Amino acid sequence: MVRNLEGFLQKYPESSQRSQIYRALVESTLQLRDFPRATEYAERLVAINPEDISMTVLAIQLLERHGDAAGWHRGISYCTRVVDQLDRTPLSDKSPRVSPAEWENDKRRDKSSLLLVRGRLYKKLNDISNAQKDFEASYALQPNAAAAERLGEIAEMKKDPALAIQDYARAFALTDATNGASSRAELRKKVGNVWRLAHGSEDGLGDYLLRAFDEVAASAKPAQVTRNQGLKEPYEFTLRKAPGGAPFPFADTKGKIVVLNFWATWCGPCRELEPHFEILAARYAQDKDVLFYGLNCDEDEALVAPYLEEEKPKTLTLFADGLERLLRVDSFPTTVILDRTGKIAFRSNGFDPDTVDKVLTEAVERVLHAPALPPAAAAANP
């Protein structure tokens, strides 16, 4: 088929069917793994239709893998053209099935990928300055392991071990099997080597990598709505019922003993504590002075509805909405009992399954039957 199509083009070089023929030749020569010819016909098709982004990207990929210096220069030009096209694409071109946020995110992702490729092409040409600029721009648009790794290599080449360690650690935190970077094992070797050269041993590297992982995870999070910011007392808070989000003014619990179970969907021990918490709540179901709530602390609230559907807890579930910050909850599960004035009367970080029922029952009884402070004493002991 390739020979016949090429024969046709030799006989009719200005055929109106050139675009379709070039496309067929690209597909056929790729199947034959004849990459030089596939590259040639992809570039011919791009010359006819420069707005064909998918074919331009294919030509760039072929030039990067199989081209020479001249081809890499052309690949850089193609990358620049597509980046410009992405920048010029108006929101009105968005598919109605895609939200504006998704559309913008897709544009950032595509531009980040193109800048990464252009950076690699510059690096092939030993234009390190432009390569570094593109890798930095790619990472800024969308943090990715491949750009971080390339920046680490450049920093190492420039004898900047601190920056190389930072970039390799970011790549280590971000890498997976599909993102164009080395494997995590290879990145571990790279960051370990630079760390040893800088520090003489690997002491401290583990803690550094954990901090890098947390920093990368935090930077990758979408902007979160900060609820109840700046409030100083639990009764000032308005929480939300999970999963629907109906408002729950915490002031409605004023004067009651409130038992709070702070949990997250990813927390295995939280699942184990839940039955104990529900047994305790059932024991006090008829006592209107003692209230029990599960407070979810997931960053991704979309995980909560499926979890509740699966586990079907009997106690009312609320989103913590910042109450965990006020009460300084930093591990899960954490059980907190608030007295009738909203002050912490008991806290348990984690639990022992053999003693949790006894410990929590005694804590509730102790707070429930504690003598009320006279008004003057209460004011003196806020």
Protein backbone atom coordinates (compact mmCIF):
# COMPACT_ATOMS: atom_id res chain seq x y z
CA MET A 1 0.00 0.00 0.00
CA VAL A 2 2.86 2.37 0.84
CA ARG A 3 4.47 1.79 -2.56
CA ASN A 4 1.18 2.37 -4.37
CA LEU A 5 0.43 5.58 -2.44
CA GLU A 6 3.93 6.92 -3.04
CA GLY A 7 3.61 6.03 -6.74
CA PHE A 8 0.35 7.94 -6.90
CA LEU A 9 1.96 11.02 -5.31
CA GLN A 10 4.85 10.90 -7.78
CA LYS A 11 2.35 10.92 -10.63
CA TYR A 12 -0.03 13.47 -9.06
CA PRO A 13 2.04 15.57 -6.62
CA GLU A 14 -0.61 18.31 -6.35
CA SER A 15 -3.55 15.95 -5.84
CA SER A 16 -6.41 17.36 -3.79
CA GLN A 17 -6.25 14.10 -1.81
CA ARG A 18 -2.73 14.73 -0.53
CA SER A 19 -3.83 15.21 3.09
CA GLN A 20 -5.65 11.89 3.22
CA ILE A 21 -2.77 10.13 1.47
CA TYR A 22 -0.14 11.61 3.80
CA ARG A 23 -2.20 10.54 6.80
CA ALA A 24 -2.52 7.02 5.44
CA LEU A 25 1.22 6.94 4.78
CA VAL A 26 1.98 8.08 8.33
CA GLU A 27 -0.19 5.33 9.80
CA SER A 28 1.20 2.66 7.46
CA THR A 29 4.87 3.55 7.91
CA LEU A 30 4.40 3.60 11.68
CA GLN A 31 3.03 0.06 11.47
CA LEU A 32 6.09 -0.86 9.42
CA ARG A 33 8.28 0.88 12.05
CA ASP A 34 9.79 2.94 9.26
CA PHE A 35 10.18 6.00 11.45
CA PRO A 36 12.14 8.23 9.03
CA ARG A 37 9.38 7.96 6.44
CA ALA A 38 6.66 8.36 9.09
CA THR A 39 8.39 11.55 10.23
CA GLU A 40 8.68 12.85 6.67
CA TYR A 41 4.99 12.37 5.92
CA ALA A 42 3.90 13.74 9.31
CA GLU A 43 5.87 16.92 8.60
CA ARG A 44 4.40 17.16 5.10
CA LEU A 45 0.93 16.94 6.61
CA VAL A 46 1.79 19.63 9.18
CA ALA A 47 3.03 21.89 6.37
CA ILE A 48 -0.35 21.54 4.62
CA ASN A 49 -2.39 21.93 7.80
CA PRO A 50 -0.43 23.72 10.56
CA GLU A 51 -3.55 23.85 12.75
CA ASP A 52 -3.62 20.05 13.07
CA ILE A 53 -2.36 19.86 16.65
CA SER A 54 -2.51 16.07 16.99
CA MET A 55 -0.40 15.52 13.87
CA THR A 56 2.02 18.28 14.92
CA VAL A 57 2.49 16.59 18.29
CA LEU A 58 3.13 13.26 16.55
CA ALA A 59 5.73 14.93 14.32
CA ILE A 60 7.39 16.41 17.43
CA GLN A 61 7.52 13.01 19.12
CA LEU A 62 9.01 11.36 16.02
CA LEU A 63 11.61 14.10 15.63
CA GLU A 64 12.61 13.84 19.29
CA ARG A 65 13.10 10.08 19.10
CA HIS A 66 14.42 9.61 15.60
CA GLY A 67 15.57 13.01 14.32
CA ASP A 68 18.93 14.69 14.01
CA ALA A 69 19.98 18.18 15.14
CA ALA A 70 18.13 19.82 12.26
CA GLY A 71 15.03 17.80 13.13
CA TRP A 72 15.28 18.81 16.78
CA HIS A 73 15.33 22.46 15.74
CA ARG A 74 12.16 21.88 13.69
CA GLY A 75 10.61 20.07 16.67
CA ILE A 76 11.27 23.12 18.84
CA SER A 77 9.56 25.31 16.26
CA TYR A 78 6.55 22.98 16.17
CA CYS A 79 6.35 22.97 19.99
CA THR A 80 6.37 26.77 20.05
CA ARG A 81 3.62 26.89 17.45
CA VAL A 82 1.35 24.52 19.42
CA VAL A 83 1.98 26.35 22.70
CA ASP A 84 0.97 29.58 20.97
CA GLN A 85 -2.15 27.88 19.59
CA LEU A 86 -3.10 26.70 23.08
CA ASP A 87 -2.62 30.20 24.47
CA ARG A 88 -4.85 31.65 21.77
CA THR A 89 -7.65 29.09 22.13
CA PRO A 90 -10.71 30.93 23.52
CA LEU A 91 -13.08 29.54 26.12
CA SER A 92 -15.82 29.59 23.48
CA ASP A 93 -14.10 26.61 21.81
CA LYS A 94 -14.75 24.50 24.91
CA SER A 95 -16.98 21.45 24.56
CA PRO A 96 -20.28 21.95 26.43
CA ARG A 97 -19.64 18.60 28.14
CA VAL A 98 -16.51 20.00 29.82
CA SER A 99 -16.58 22.50 32.68
CA PRO A 100 -14.48 25.69 32.42
CA ALA A 101 -12.26 24.43 35.26
CA GLU A 102 -11.66 21.11 33.50
CA TRP A 103 -10.95 22.92 30.23
CA GLU A 104 -8.39 25.19 31.87
CA ASN A 105 -6.78 22.24 33.62
CA ASP A 106 -6.51 20.34 30.33
CA LYS A 107 -4.85 23.36 28.71
CA ARG A 108 -2.33 23.61 31.54
CA ARG A 109 -1.58 19.91 31.30
CA ASP A 110 -1.10 20.01 27.52
CA LYS A 111 1.08 23.12 27.69
CA SER A 112 3.14 21.59 30.49
CA SER A 113 3.72 18.46 28.38
CA LEU A 114 4.77 20.48 25.34
CA LEU A 115 7.19 22.61 27.34
CA LEU A 116 8.69 19.45 28.78
CA VAL A 117 9.27 18.06 25.27
CA ARG A 118 10.68 21.36 24.04
CA GLY A 119 13.01 21.43 27.04
CA ARG A 120 14.27 17.96 26.17
CA LEU A 121 14.88 19.06 22.58
CA TYR A 122 16.84 22.09 23.78
CA LYS A 123 18.84 19.78 26.03
CA LYS A 124 19.63 17.50 23.09
CA LEU A 125 21.03 20.58 21.35
CA ASN A 126 23.02 21.44 24.50
CA ASP A 127 21.05 24.67 24.95
CA ILE A 128 20.91 24.22 28.70
CA SER A 129 19.64 27.71 29.51
CA ASN A 130 16.49 27.37 27.37
CA ALA A 131 16.05 23.77 28.46
CA GLN A 132 16.05 24.81 32.11
CA LYS A 133 13.52 27.60 31.45
CA ASP A 134 11.14 25.14 29.77
CA PHE A 135 11.50 22.51 32.50
CA GLU A 136 10.80 25.16 35.14
CA ALA A 137 7.77 26.43 33.21
CA SER A 138 6.48 22.88 32.72
CA TYR A 139 6.78 22.15 36.44
CA ALA A 140 5.15 25.47 37.39
CA LEU A 141 2.13 24.75 35.20
CA GLN A 142 1.72 21.23 36.52
CA PRO A 143 4.21 19.66 38.94
CA ASN A 144 5.55 16.54 37.23
CA ALA A 145 8.33 14.07 37.90
CA ALA A 146 9.92 14.27 34.46
CA ALA A 147 10.53 18.03 34.63
CA ALA A 148 11.77 17.79 38.22
CA GLU A 149 14.21 15.04 37.28
CA ARG A 150 15.60 17.03 34.33
CA LEU A 151 16.02 20.06 36.59
CA GLY A 152 17.86 17.87 39.06
CA GLU A 153 20.22 16.70 36.31
CA ILE A 154 20.91 20.31 35.27
CA ALA A 155 21.53 21.36 38.87
CA GLU A 156 23.87 18.42 39.37
CA MET A 157 25.72 19.35 36.18
CA LYS A 158 26.04 22.93 37.47
CA LYS A 159 27.50 21.67 40.77
CA ASP A 160 24.51 22.84 42.82
CA PRO A 161 23.88 19.84 45.11
CA ALA A 162 21.22 21.54 47.27
CA LEU A 163 19.07 22.32 44.23
CA ALA A 164 19.73 18.89 42.70
CA ILE A 165 18.60 17.18 45.91
CA GLN A 166 15.46 19.31 46.02
CA ASP A 167 14.54 18.54 42.40
CA TYR A 168 15.34 14.82 42.59
CA ALA A 169 13.31 14.59 45.81
CA ARG A 170 10.34 16.21 44.07
CA ALA A 171 10.67 13.79 41.18
CA PHE A 172 10.87 10.89 43.65
CA ALA A 173 7.66 12.07 45.32
CA LEU A 174 5.78 12.56 42.04
CA THR A 175 6.93 9.62 39.95
CA ASP A 176 4.75 6.74 38.84
CA ALA A 177 4.90 4.18 36.03
CA THR A 178 3.50 6.46 33.32
CA ASN A 179 4.77 10.00 33.74
CA GLY A 180 7.95 9.93 31.67
CA ALA A 181 10.44 10.00 34.54
CA SER A 182 12.84 7.32 35.70
CA SER A 183 11.55 4.66 38.06
CA ARG A 184 11.36 5.47 41.75
CA ALA A 185 14.28 3.08 42.34
CA GLU A 186 16.46 4.98 39.86
CA LEU A 187 15.49 8.34 41.34
CA ARG A 188 16.29 6.96 44.79
CA LYS A 189 19.81 6.22 43.54
CA LYS A 190 20.18 9.70 42.02
CA VAL A 191 19.07 11.61 45.12
CA GLY A 192 21.03 9.27 47.37
CA ASN A 193 24.21 9.81 45.38
CA VAL A 194 23.98 13.62 45.50
CA TRP A 195 23.04 13.52 49.19
CA ARG A 196 26.08 11.38 50.06
CA LEU A 197 28.37 13.68 48.09
CA ALA A 198 26.97 16.69 49.91
CA HIS A 199 26.67 15.22 53.43
CA GLY A 200 29.08 12.30 53.57
CA SER A 201 26.37 9.74 54.36
CA GLU A 202 22.63 9.23 53.92
CA ASP A 203 21.79 10.37 57.45
CA GLY A 204 18.75 12.64 57.29
CA LEU A 205 17.78 11.71 53.73
CA GLY A 206 14.67 9.80 54.78
CA ASP A 207 13.26 12.74 56.70
CA TYR A 208 14.07 15.05 53.79
CA LEU A 209 12.21 12.81 51.31
CA LEU A 210 9.16 12.65 53.58
CA ARG A 211 9.09 16.46 53.83
CA ALA A 212 9.45 16.70 50.04
CA PHE A 213 6.56 14.28 49.59
CA ASP A 214 4.34 16.34 51.93
CA GLU A 215 5.30 19.59 50.18
CA VAL A 216 4.56 18.16 46.73
CA ALA A 217 1.25 16.73 47.92
CA ALA A 218 0.26 20.07 49.42
CA SER A 219 1.15 21.99 46.25
CA ALA A 220 -0.88 19.57 44.13
CA LYS A 221 -4.06 20.05 46.17
CA PRO A 222 -6.82 22.18 44.67
CA ALA A 223 -7.58 25.32 46.61
CA GLN A 224 -9.57 24.42 49.70
CA VAL A 225 -12.35 26.49 51.20
CA THR A 226 -11.26 27.40 54.73
CA ARG A 227 -14.37 27.23 56.90
CA ASN A 228 -14.82 28.87 60.31
CA GLN A 229 -11.48 30.62 59.95
CA GLY A 230 -10.39 32.62 62.98
CA LEU A 231 -13.09 31.37 65.37
CA LYS A 232 -11.92 30.74 68.92
CA GLU A 233 -14.77 28.78 70.53
CA PRO A 234 -16.52 25.55 69.41
CA TYR A 235 -19.96 27.12 69.83
CA GLU A 236 -19.09 29.75 67.22
CA PHE A 237 -18.67 27.05 64.58
CA THR A 238 -21.20 26.07 61.94
CA LEU A 239 -20.43 22.57 60.70
CA ARG A 240 -22.12 20.68 57.89
CA LYS A 241 -23.92 17.36 57.93
CA ALA A 242 -22.30 14.68 55.77
CA PRO A 243 -22.69 13.96 52.99
CA GLY A 244 -25.32 16.52 51.98
CA GLY A 245 -23.81 19.60 53.60
CA ALA A 246 -26.84 20.86 55.53
CA PRO A 247 -25.69 23.42 58.14
CA PHE A 248 -25.24 22.29 61.72
CA PRO A 249 -24.70 25.16 64.21
CA PHE A 250 -22.50 23.74 66.93
CA ALA A 251 -24.12 26.16 69.37
CA ASP A 252 -27.08 23.73 69.36
CA THR A 253 -24.95 21.47 71.61
CA LYS A 254 -24.39 24.15 74.25
CA GLY A 255 -24.94 22.86 77.79
CA LYS A 256 -24.52 19.22 76.70
CA ILE A 257 -21.71 16.68 77.02
CA VAL A 258 -20.42 16.22 73.45
CA VAL A 259 -18.41 13.17 72.43
CA LEU A 260 -16.57 13.67 69.12
CA ASN A 261 -14.89 10.97 67.04
CA PHE A 262 -12.49 12.56 64.51
CA TRP A 263 -11.86 10.19 61.60
CA ALA A 264 -10.91 9.91 57.89
CA THR A 265 -11.88 7.42 55.19
CA TRP A 266 -8.27 6.36 54.61
CA CYS A 267 -7.67 5.56 58.30
CA GLY A 268 -7.82 1.82 59.07
CA PRO A 269 -7.98 2.21 62.88
CA CYS A 270 -10.90 4.62 62.43
CA ARG A 271 -12.95 1.78 60.95
CA GLU A 272 -12.03 -0.39 63.92
CA LEU A 273 -13.04 2.25 66.46
CA GLU A 274 -16.43 2.97 64.86
CA PRO A 275 -18.29 -0.08 66.30
CA HIS A 276 -17.02 0.76 69.81
CA PHE A 277 -18.10 4.37 69.38
CA GLU A 278 -21.59 3.30 68.23
CA ILE A 279 -22.01 0.90 71.16
CA LEU A 280 -21.16 3.74 73.55
CA ALA A 281 -23.54 6.11 71.73
CA ALA A 282 -26.35 3.53 71.92
CA ARG A 283 -25.77 3.17 75.68
CA TYR A 284 -26.51 6.89 76.14
CA ALA A 285 -29.19 7.18 73.45
CA GLN A 286 -31.88 7.99 76.03
CA ASP A 287 -29.74 10.53 77.86
CA LYS A 288 -30.42 13.89 76.25
CA ASP A 289 -27.43 15.40 78.05
CA VAL A 290 -24.88 13.36 76.07
CA LEU A 291 -24.45 13.77 72.30
CA PHE A 292 -22.27 11.73 69.94
CA TYR A 293 -20.96 12.85 66.54
CA GLY A 294 -18.50 11.49 64.03
CA LEU A 295 -16.40 14.30 62.53
CA ASN A 296 -14.92 13.60 59.10
CA CYS A 297 -11.57 15.21 58.31
CA ASP A 298 -10.99 14.09 54.70
CA GLU A 299 -9.47 16.70 52.40
CA ASP A 300 -11.41 15.16 49.48
CA GLU A 301 -15.02 15.25 50.59
CA ALA A 302 -16.07 13.22 47.55
CA LEU A 303 -14.73 10.15 49.35
CA VAL A 304 -17.17 10.52 52.22
CA ALA A 305 -20.52 9.63 50.62
CA PRO A 306 -19.35 6.22 49.26
CA TYR A 307 -17.73 5.46 52.62
CA LEU A 308 -20.90 6.26 54.56
CA GLU A 309 -22.96 4.22 52.11
CA GLU A 310 -20.68 1.25 52.69
CA GLU A 311 -20.21 1.54 56.47
CA LYS A 312 -23.64 2.98 57.38
CA PRO A 313 -22.66 4.48 60.76
CA LYS A 314 -25.54 5.06 63.16
CA THR A 315 -24.15 8.22 64.76
CA LEU A 316 -24.61 11.52 62.94
CA THR A 317 -21.63 12.38 60.73
CA LEU A 318 -20.48 15.98 60.35
CA PHE A 319 -17.66 17.54 58.35
CA ALA A 320 -15.09 18.84 60.85
CA ASP A 321 -14.88 22.17 58.96
CA GLY A 322 -11.93 23.48 60.98
CA LEU A 323 -12.97 22.22 64.42
CA GLU A 324 -10.06 19.79 64.21
CA ARG A 325 -7.74 22.82 63.93
CA LEU A 326 -9.22 24.50 66.98
CA LEU A 327 -9.00 21.29 69.05
CA ARG A 328 -5.54 20.49 67.64
CA VAL A 329 -6.41 17.08 66.25
CA ASP A 330 -3.42 15.88 64.25
CA SER A 331 -3.83 12.08 64.23
CA PHE A 332 -6.70 9.67 63.64
CA PRO A 333 -8.79 8.42 65.24
CA THR A 334 -8.98 11.00 68.02
CA THR A 335 -11.83 11.03 70.52
CA VAL A 336 -12.59 14.31 72.31
CA ILE A 337 -15.18 14.91 75.01
CA LEU A 338 -16.35 18.48 75.54
CA ASP A 339 -17.96 19.42 78.84
CA ARG A 340 -21.10 21.53 79.20
CA THR A 341 -19.11 24.74 78.64
CA GLY A 342 -17.44 23.53 75.44
CA LYS A 343 -14.05 22.87 77.08
CA ILE A 344 -12.02 19.73 76.43
CA ALA A 345 -12.57 17.34 79.35
CA PHE A 346 -11.05 14.23 77.76
CA ARG A 347 -8.90 13.38 74.75
CA SER A 348 -7.69 10.04 73.39
CA ASN A 349 -5.32 9.87 70.41
CA GLY A 350 -5.81 6.39 68.97
CA PHE A 351 -7.27 3.59 71.10
CA ASP A 352 -6.65 0.18 72.60
CA PRO A 353 -9.39 -2.23 71.39
CA ASP A 354 -9.14 -4.21 74.64
CA THR A 355 -9.81 -1.23 76.91
CA VAL A 356 -11.52 1.40 74.76
CA ASP A 357 -15.08 0.60 75.92
CA LYS A 358 -14.13 0.91 79.59
CA VAL A 359 -11.94 4.00 79.08
CA LEU A 360 -14.57 5.93 77.09
CA THR A 361 -17.45 4.92 79.37
CA GLU A 362 -15.55 6.04 82.47
CA ALA A 363 -14.62 9.30 80.73
CA VAL A 364 -18.23 10.05 79.77
CA GLU A 365 -19.46 9.22 83.29
CA ARG A 366 -16.78 11.38 84.88
CA VAL A 367 -17.67 14.40 82.73
CA LEU A 368 -21.42 13.79 82.96
CA HIS A 369 -21.43 13.72 86.75
CA ALA A 370 -18.79 16.37 87.35
CA PRO A 371 -20.14 19.06 89.68
CA ALA A 372 -21.08 22.22 87.87
CA LEU A 373 -18.87 25.20 88.65
CA PRO A 374 -20.62 28.25 90.13
CA PRO A 375 -20.73 31.23 87.72
CA ALA A 376 -17.86 33.04 89.44
CA ALA A 377 -15.64 29.96 89.40
CA ALA A 378 -16.53 29.22 85.80
CA ALA A 379 -15.51 32.73 84.82
CA ALA A 380 -12.21 32.29 86.65
CA ASN A 381 -11.53 28.95 84.91
CA PRO A 382 -12.29 29.53 81.21
